[in-house]
Amino acid sequence: MSWFFLLLLALSVAVLIAAEWPRLVRRAGPLSRKQRQRAKRKEQWTVFSSSESDDFAASVERDLAQLPTVEERNPKR
């Protein structure tokens, strides 16, 4: 009977490994080092907020206000 239990144990370990294989590969696979290095580089990035976006929006509004418009002579009803 002990060989039967060893066989069941081996099969259960094999099923567990097969089920967790994608996560194991992500964690210890060949691409994991590159991903960890990229994550470390991204942690060092900083976001700067400036008034450049406000200046840009204001300039776009000015440009749109200066565009010539054409009014329809016969509006469709």
PDB file of N, CA and C in Angstrom:
ATOM      1  N   MET A   1       0.803  -1.187   0.000  1.00  0.00           N
ATOM      2  CA  MET A   1       0.000   0.000   0.000  1.00  0.00           C
ATOM      3  C   MET A   1       0.852   1.261   0.000  1.00  0.00           C
ATOM      4  N   SER A   2       2.045   1.243   0.516  1.00  0.00           N
ATOM      5  CA  SER A   2       2.847   2.449   0.587  1.00  0.00           C
ATOM      6  C   SER A   2       3.262   2.921  -0.807  1.00  0.00           C
ATOM      7  N   TRP A   3       3.451   2.007  -1.750  1.00  0.00           N
ATOM      8  CA  TRP A   3       3.810   2.434  -3.101  1.00  0.00           C
ATOM      9  C   TRP A   3       2.649   3.189  -3.742  1.00  0.00           C
ATOM     10  N   PHE A   4       1.404   2.795  -3.394  1.00  0.00           N
ATOM     11  CA  PHE A   4       0.220   3.479  -3.926  1.00  0.00           C
ATOM     12  C   PHE A   4       0.166   4.919  -3.410  1.00  0.00           C
ATOM     13  N   PHE A   5       0.440   5.116  -2.129  1.00  0.00           N
ATOM     14  CA  PHE A   5       0.438   6.458  -1.557  1.00  0.00           C
ATOM     15  C   PHE A   5       1.588   7.293  -2.114  1.00  0.00           C
ATOM     16  N   LEU A   6       2.724   6.684  -2.353  1.00  0.00           N
ATOM     17  CA  LEU A   6       3.835   7.412  -2.967  1.00  0.00           C
ATOM     18  C   LEU A   6       3.482   7.839  -4.386  1.00  0.00           C
ATOM     19  N   LEU A   7       2.798   6.966  -5.093  1.00  0.00           N
ATOM     20  CA  LEU A   7       2.360   7.295  -6.448  1.00  0.00           C
ATOM     21  C   LEU A   7       1.368   8.464  -6.417  1.00  0.00           C
ATOM     22  N   LEU A   8       0.400   8.433  -5.489  1.00  0.00           N
ATOM     23  CA  LEU A   8      -0.552   9.534  -5.363  1.00  0.00           C
ATOM     24  C   LEU A   8       0.146  10.834  -4.982  1.00  0.00           C
ATOM     25  N   LEU A   9       1.123  10.741  -4.090  1.00  0.00           N
ATOM     26  CA  LEU A   9       1.875  11.921  -3.695  1.00  0.00           C
ATOM     27  C   LEU A   9       2.641  12.497  -4.882  1.00  0.00           C
ATOM     28  N   ALA A  10       3.284  11.640  -5.654  1.00  0.00           N
ATOM     29  CA  ALA A  10       4.030  12.087  -6.830  1.00  0.00           C
ATOM     30  C   ALA A  10       3.099  12.719  -7.858  1.00  0.00           C
ATOM     31  N   LEU A  11       1.934  12.123  -8.064  1.00  0.00           N
ATOM     32  CA  LEU A  11       0.971  12.686  -9.007  1.00  0.00           C
ATOM     33  C   LEU A  11       0.442  14.039  -8.525  1.00  0.00           C
ATOM     34  N   SER A  12       0.190  14.156  -7.240  1.00  0.00           N
ATOM     35  CA  SER A  12      -0.310  15.429  -6.725  1.00  0.00           C
ATOM     36  C   SER A  12       0.754  16.524  -6.846  1.00  0.00           C
ATOM     37  N   VAL A  13       2.014  16.175  -6.614  1.00  0.00           N
ATOM     38  CA  VAL A  13       3.100  17.145  -6.790  1.00  0.00           C
ATOM     39  C   VAL A  13       3.209  17.550  -8.256  1.00  0.00           C
ATOM     40  N   ALA A  14       3.063  16.592  -9.158  1.00  0.00           N
ATOM     41  CA  ALA A  14       3.127  16.892 -10.593  1.00  0.00           C
ATOM     42  C   ALA A  14       1.981  17.802 -11.014  1.00  0.00           C
ATOM     43  N   VAL A  15       0.788  17.556 -10.495  1.00  0.00           N
ATOM     44  CA  VAL A  15      -0.366  18.404 -10.821  1.00  0.00           C
ATOM     45  C   VAL A  15      -0.162  19.808 -10.269  1.00  0.00           C
ATOM     46  N   LEU A  16       0.358  19.911  -9.054  1.00  0.00           N
ATOM     47  CA  LEU A  16       0.616  21.209  -8.454  1.00  0.00           C
ATOM     48  C   LEU A  16       1.642  22.001  -9.265  1.00  0.00           C
ATOM     49  N   ILE A  17       2.705  21.349  -9.675  1.00  0.00           N
ATOM     50  CA  ILE A  17       3.732  22.023 -10.490  1.00  0.00           C
ATOM     51  C   ILE A  17       3.160  22.455 -11.826  1.00  0.00           C
ATOM     52  N   ALA A  18       2.350  21.593 -12.443  1.00  0.00           N
ATOM     53  CA  ALA A  18       1.750  21.940 -13.728  1.00  0.00           C
ATOM     54  C   ALA A  18       0.800  23.127 -13.586  1.00  0.00           C
ATOM     55  N   ALA A  19       0.071  23.186 -12.486  1.00  0.00           N
ATOM     56  CA  ALA A  19      -0.879  24.283 -12.288  1.00  0.00           C
ATOM     57  C   ALA A  19      -0.163  25.592 -12.009  1.00  0.00           C
ATOM     58  N   GLU A  20       0.938  25.554 -11.310  1.00  0.00           N
ATOM     59  CA  GLU A  20       1.662  26.763 -10.924  1.00  0.00           C
ATOM     60  C   GLU A  20       2.792  27.114 -11.885  1.00  0.00           C
ATOM     61  N   TRP A  21       2.960  26.363 -12.945  1.00  0.00           N
ATOM     62  CA  TRP A  21       4.075  26.575 -13.857  1.00  0.00           C
ATOM     63  C   TRP A  21       4.151  27.986 -14.438  1.00  0.00           C
ATOM     64  N   PRO A  22       3.039  28.571 -14.919  1.00  0.00           N
ATOM     65  CA  PRO A  22       3.147  29.932 -15.473  1.00  0.00           C
ATOM     66  C   PRO A  22       3.652  30.950 -14.450  1.00  0.00           C
ATOM     67  N   ARG A  23       3.190  30.834 -13.219  1.00  0.00           N
ATOM     68  CA  ARG A  23       3.645  31.767 -12.195  1.00  0.00           C
ATOM     69  C   ARG A  23       5.106  31.526 -11.845  1.00  0.00           C
ATOM     70  N   LEU A  24       5.524  30.265 -11.827  1.00  0.00           N
ATOM     71  CA  LEU A  24       6.923  29.960 -11.541  1.00  0.00           C
ATOM     72  C   LEU A  24       7.839  30.495 -12.639  1.00  0.00           C
ATOM     73  N   VAL A  25       7.428  30.369 -13.871  1.00  0.00           N
ATOM     74  CA  VAL A  25       8.243  30.859 -14.989  1.00  0.00           C
ATOM     75  C   VAL A  25       8.348  32.375 -14.946  1.00  0.00           C
ATOM     76  N   ARG A  26       7.218  33.053 -14.616  1.00  0.00           N
ATOM     77  CA  ARG A  26       7.260  34.509 -14.511  1.00  0.00           C
ATOM     78  C   ARG A  26       8.204  34.955 -13.409  1.00  0.00           C
ATOM     79  N   ARG A  27       8.218  34.211 -12.325  1.00  0.00           N
ATOM     80  CA  ARG A  27       9.016  34.612 -11.180  1.00  0.00           C
ATOM     81  C   ARG A  27      10.485  34.259 -11.343  1.00  0.00           C
ATOM     82  N   ALA A  28      10.795  33.126 -11.952  1.00  0.00           N
ATOM     83  CA  ALA A  28      12.178  32.679 -12.042  1.00  0.00           C
ATOM     84  C   ALA A  28      12.611  32.379 -13.471  1.00  0.00           C
ATOM     85  N   GLY A  29      11.838  32.817 -14.439  1.00  0.00           N
ATOM     86  CA  GLY A  29      12.161  32.529 -15.824  1.00  0.00           C
ATOM     87  C   GLY A  29      13.219  33.464 -16.379  1.00  0.00           C
ATOM     88  N   PRO A  30      13.521  33.307 -17.649  1.00  0.00           N
ATOM     89  CA  PRO A  30      14.584  34.098 -18.271  1.00  0.00           C
ATOM     90  C   PRO A  30      14.247  35.596 -18.381  1.00  0.00           C
ATOM     91  N   LEU A  31      12.979  35.943 -18.461  1.00  0.00           N
ATOM     92  CA  LEU A  31      12.609  37.347 -18.600  1.00  0.00           C
ATOM     93  C   LEU A  31      12.444  38.048 -17.256  1.00  0.00           C
ATOM     94  N   SER A  32      12.461  37.296 -16.185  1.00  0.00           N
ATOM     95  CA  SER A  32      12.192  37.901 -14.878  1.00  0.00           C
ATOM     96  C   SER A  32      13.272  38.897 -14.471  1.00  0.00           C
ATOM     97  N   ARG A  33      14.519  38.626 -14.803  1.00  0.00           N
ATOM     98  CA  ARG A  33      15.596  39.554 -14.443  1.00  0.00           C
ATOM     99  C   ARG A  33      15.411  40.877 -15.162  1.00  0.00           C
ATOM    100  N   LYS A  34      15.074  40.833 -16.445  1.00  0.00           N
ATOM    101  CA  LYS A  34      14.868  42.065 -17.198  1.00  0.00           C
ATOM    102  C   LYS A  34      13.696  42.857 -16.631  1.00  0.00           C
ATOM    103  N   GLN A  35      12.640  42.153 -16.258  1.00  0.00           N
ATOM    104  CA  GLN A  35      11.486  42.834 -15.705  1.00  0.00           C
ATOM    105  C   GLN A  35      11.806  43.472 -14.353  1.00  0.00           C
ATOM    106  N   ARG A  36      12.584  42.786 -13.527  1.00  0.00           N
ATOM    107  CA  ARG A  36      12.952  43.354 -12.240  1.00  0.00           C
ATOM    108  C   ARG A  36      13.845  44.577 -12.421  1.00  0.00           C
ATOM    109  N   GLN A  37      14.787  44.509 -13.370  1.00  0.00           N
ATOM    110  CA  GLN A  37      15.654  45.655 -13.626  1.00  0.00           C
ATOM    111  C   GLN A  37      14.846  46.840 -14.142  1.00  0.00           C
ATOM    112  N   ARG A  38      13.888  46.570 -15.006  1.00  0.00           N
ATOM    113  CA  ARG A  38      13.053  47.648 -15.543  1.00  0.00           C
ATOM    114  C   ARG A  38      12.211  48.267 -14.431  1.00  0.00           C
ATOM    115  N   ALA A  39      11.693  47.430 -13.550  1.00  0.00           N
ATOM    116  CA  ALA A  39      10.898  47.949 -12.436  1.00  0.00           C
ATOM    117  C   ALA A  39      11.749  48.839 -11.529  1.00  0.00           C
ATOM    118  N   LYS A  40      13.001  48.462 -11.301  1.00  0.00           N
ATOM    119  CA  LYS A  40      13.885  49.296 -10.479  1.00  0.00           C
ATOM    120  C   LYS A  40      14.152  50.634 -11.157  1.00  0.00           C
ATOM    121  N   ARG A  41      14.355  50.605 -12.479  1.00  0.00           N
ATOM    122  CA  ARG A  41      14.583  51.868 -13.190  1.00  0.00           C
ATOM    123  C   ARG A  41      13.343  52.755 -13.132  1.00  0.00           C
ATOM    124  N   LYS A  42      12.167  52.140 -13.268  1.00  0.00           N
ATOM    125  CA  LYS A  42      10.939  52.925 -13.254  1.00  0.00           C
ATOM    126  C   LYS A  42      10.674  53.538 -11.886  1.00  0.00           C
ATOM    127  N   GLU A  43      11.135  52.898 -10.815  1.00  0.00           N
ATOM    128  CA  GLU A  43      10.950  53.457  -9.483  1.00  0.00           C
ATOM    129  C   GLU A  43      11.720  54.768  -9.324  1.00  0.00           C
ATOM    130  N   GLN A  44      12.775  54.939 -10.080  1.00  0.00           N
ATOM    131  CA  GLN A  44      13.605  56.128  -9.965  1.00  0.00           C
ATOM    132  C   GLN A  44      13.047  57.299 -10.771  1.00  0.00           C
ATOM    133  N   TRP A  45      12.074  57.048 -11.622  1.00  0.00           N
ATOM    134  CA  TRP A  45      11.504  58.112 -12.433  1.00  0.00           C
ATOM    135  C   TRP A  45      10.701  59.062 -11.557  1.00  0.00           C
ATOM    136  N   THR A  46      10.698  60.302 -11.941  1.00  0.00           N
ATOM    137  CA  THR A  46       9.890  61.289 -11.227  1.00  0.00           C
ATOM    138  C   THR A  46       9.000  62.009 -12.226  1.00  0.00           C
ATOM    139  N   VAL A  47       7.851  62.414 -11.760  1.00  0.00           N
ATOM    140  CA  VAL A  47       6.898  63.128 -12.599  1.00  0.00           C
ATOM    141  C   VAL A  47       6.951  64.592 -12.211  1.00  0.00           C
ATOM    142  N   PHE A  48       7.176  65.425 -13.198  1.00  0.00           N
ATOM    143  CA  PHE A  48       7.237  66.852 -12.960  1.00  0.00           C
ATOM    144  C   PHE A  48       5.935  67.477 -13.419  1.00  0.00           C
ATOM    145  N   SER A  49       5.373  68.283 -12.576  1.00  0.00           N
ATOM    146  CA  SER A  49       4.182  69.011 -12.993  1.00  0.00           C
ATOM    147  C   SER A  49       4.600  70.461 -13.227  1.00  0.00           C
ATOM    148  N   SER A  50       4.174  70.973 -14.336  1.00  0.00           N
ATOM    149  CA  SER A  50       4.543  72.350 -14.664  1.00  0.00           C
ATOM    150  C   SER A  50       3.352  73.051 -15.282  1.00  0.00           C
ATOM    151  N   SER A  51       3.531  74.307 -15.508  1.00  0.00           N
ATOM    152  CA  SER A  51       2.459  75.085 -16.121  1.00  0.00           C
ATOM    153  C   SER A  51       2.542  75.025 -17.638  1.00  0.00           C
ATOM    154  N   GLU A  52       3.441  74.185 -18.165  1.00  0.00           N
ATOM    155  CA  GLU A  52       3.561  74.082 -19.626  1.00  0.00           C
ATOM    156  C   GLU A  52       2.273  73.585 -20.247  1.00  0.00           C
ATOM    157  N   SER A  53       1.618  72.644 -19.594  1.00  0.00           N
ATOM    158  CA  SER A  53       0.371  72.136 -20.157  1.00  0.00           C
ATOM    159  C   SER A  53      -0.698  73.220 -20.144  1.00  0.00           C
ATOM    160  N   ASP A  54      -0.704  74.072 -19.118  1.00  0.00           N
ATOM    161  CA  ASP A  54      -1.657  75.178 -19.078  1.00  0.00           C
ATOM    162  C   ASP A  54      -1.341  76.192 -20.169  1.00  0.00           C
ATOM    163  N   ASP A  55      -0.065  76.457 -20.379  1.00  0.00           N
ATOM    164  CA  ASP A  55       0.335  77.371 -21.439  1.00  0.00           C
ATOM    165  C   ASP A  55      -0.055  76.819 -22.803  1.00  0.00           C
ATOM    166  N   PHE A  56       0.131  75.537 -22.981  1.00  0.00           N
ATOM    167  CA  PHE A  56      -0.215  74.906 -24.255  1.00  0.00           C
ATOM    168  C   PHE A  56      -1.718  74.995 -24.495  1.00  0.00           C
ATOM    169  N   ALA A  57      -2.507  74.699 -23.477  1.00  0.00           N
ATOM    170  CA  ALA A  57      -3.961  74.758 -23.624  1.00  0.00           C
ATOM    171  C   ALA A  57      -4.406  76.175 -23.943  1.00  0.00           C
ATOM    172  N   ALA A  58      -3.803  77.149 -23.308  1.00  0.00           N
ATOM    173  CA  ALA A  58      -4.166  78.538 -23.576  1.00  0.00           C
ATOM    174  C   ALA A  58      -3.799  78.927 -25.001  1.00  0.00           C
ATOM    175  N   SER A  59      -2.646  78.475 -25.482  1.00  0.00           N
ATOM    176  CA  SER A  59      -2.251  78.822 -26.851  1.00  0.00           C
ATOM    177  C   SER A  59      -3.170  78.149 -27.870  1.00  0.00           C
ATOM    178  N   VAL A  60      -3.606  76.939 -27.587  1.00  0.00           N
ATOM    179  CA  VAL A  60      -4.540  76.261 -28.502  1.00  0.00           C
ATOM    180  C   VAL A  60      -5.861  77.004 -28.525  1.00  0.00           C
ATOM    181  N   GLU A  61      -6.349  77.431 -27.380  1.00  0.00           N
ATOM    182  CA  GLU A  61      -7.604  78.191 -27.343  1.00  0.00           C
ATOM    183  C   GLU A  61      -7.475  79.502 -28.113  1.00  0.00           C
ATOM    184  N   ARG A  62      -6.334  80.175 -27.972  1.00  0.00           N
ATOM    185  CA  ARG A  62      -6.122  81.420 -28.728  1.00  0.00           C
ATOM    186  C   ARG A  62      -6.113  81.143 -30.224  1.00  0.00           C
ATOM    187  N   ASP A  63      -5.423  80.084 -30.630  1.00  0.00           N
ATOM    188  CA  ASP A  63      -5.358  79.755 -32.053  1.00  0.00           C
ATOM    189  C   ASP A  63      -6.735  79.410 -32.606  1.00  0.00           C
ATOM    190  N   LEU A  64      -7.513  78.667 -31.835  1.00  0.00           N
ATOM    191  CA  LEU A  64      -8.855  78.310 -32.296  1.00  0.00           C
ATOM    192  C   LEU A  64      -9.756  79.536 -32.382  1.00  0.00           C
ATOM    193  N   ALA A  65      -9.572  80.474 -31.480  1.00  0.00           N
ATOM    194  CA  ALA A  65     -10.392  81.688 -31.508  1.00  0.00           C
ATOM    195  C   ALA A  65     -10.044  82.551 -32.721  1.00  0.00           C
ATOM    196  N   GLN A  66      -8.815  82.480 -33.208  1.00  0.00           N
ATOM    197  CA  GLN A  66      -8.386  83.303 -34.338  1.00  0.00           C
ATOM    198  C   GLN A  66      -8.715  82.670 -35.691  1.00  0.00           C
ATOM    199  N   LEU A  67      -9.144  81.424 -35.698  1.00  0.00           N
ATOM    200  CA  LEU A  67      -9.464  80.783 -36.975  1.00  0.00           C
ATOM    201  C   LEU A  67     -10.691  81.416 -37.602  1.00  0.00           C
ATOM    202  N   PRO A  68     -10.657  81.600 -38.926  1.00  0.00           N
ATOM    203  CA  PRO A  68     -11.847  82.150 -39.582  1.00  0.00           C
ATOM    204  C   PRO A  68     -12.957  81.090 -39.622  1.00  0.00           C
ATOM    205  N   THR A  69     -14.173  81.580 -39.518  1.00  0.00           N
ATOM    206  CA  THR A  69     -15.310  80.655 -39.559  1.00  0.00           C
ATOM    207  C   THR A  69     -16.171  80.987 -40.760  1.00  0.00           C
ATOM    208  N   VAL A  70     -16.849  80.009 -41.257  1.00  0.00           N
ATOM    209  CA  VAL A  70     -17.747  80.190 -42.392  1.00  0.00           C
ATOM    210  C   VAL A  70     -19.141  79.813 -41.923  1.00  0.00           C
ATOM    211  N   GLU A  71     -20.063  80.753 -42.078  1.00  0.00           N
ATOM    212  CA  GLU A  71     -21.431  80.458 -41.681  1.00  0.00           C
ATOM    213  C   GLU A  71     -22.190  79.954 -42.893  1.00  0.00           C
ATOM    214  N   GLU A  72     -23.101  79.027 -42.658  1.00  0.00           N
ATOM    215  CA  GLU A  72     -23.884  78.472 -43.761  1.00  0.00           C
ATOM    216  C   GLU A  72     -24.951  79.500 -44.168  1.00  0.00           C
ATOM    217  N   ARG A  73     -25.138  79.629 -45.472  1.00  0.00           N
ATOM    218  CA  ARG A  73     -26.147  80.564 -45.975  1.00  0.00           C
ATOM    219  C   ARG A  73     -27.541  79.965 -45.891  1.00  0.00           C
ATOM    220  N   ASN A  74     -27.647  78.684 -46.212  1.00  0.00           N
ATOM    221  CA  ASN A  74     -28.940  78.000 -46.161  1.00  0.00           C
ATOM    222  C   ASN A  74     -28.869  76.892 -45.123  1.00  0.00           C
ATOM    223  N   PRO A  75     -29.180  77.184 -43.906  1.00  0.00           N
ATOM    224  CA  PRO A  75     -29.092  76.125 -42.900  1.00  0.00           C
ATOM    225  C   PRO A  75     -30.091  75.012 -43.183  1.00  0.00           C
ATOM    226  N   LYS A  76     -29.686  73.826 -42.980  1.00  0.00           N
ATOM    227  CA  LYS A  76     -30.567  72.671 -43.231  1.00  0.00           C
ATOM    228  C   LYS A  76     -31.549  72.551 -42.092  1.00  0.00           C
ATOM    229  N   ARG A  77     -32.801  72.333 -42.461  1.00  0.00           N
ATOM    230  CA  ARG A  77     -33.833  72.239 -41.436  1.00  0.00           C
ATOM    231  C   ARG A  77     -34.367  70.854 -41.357  1.00  0.00           C
TER     232      ARG A  77
END
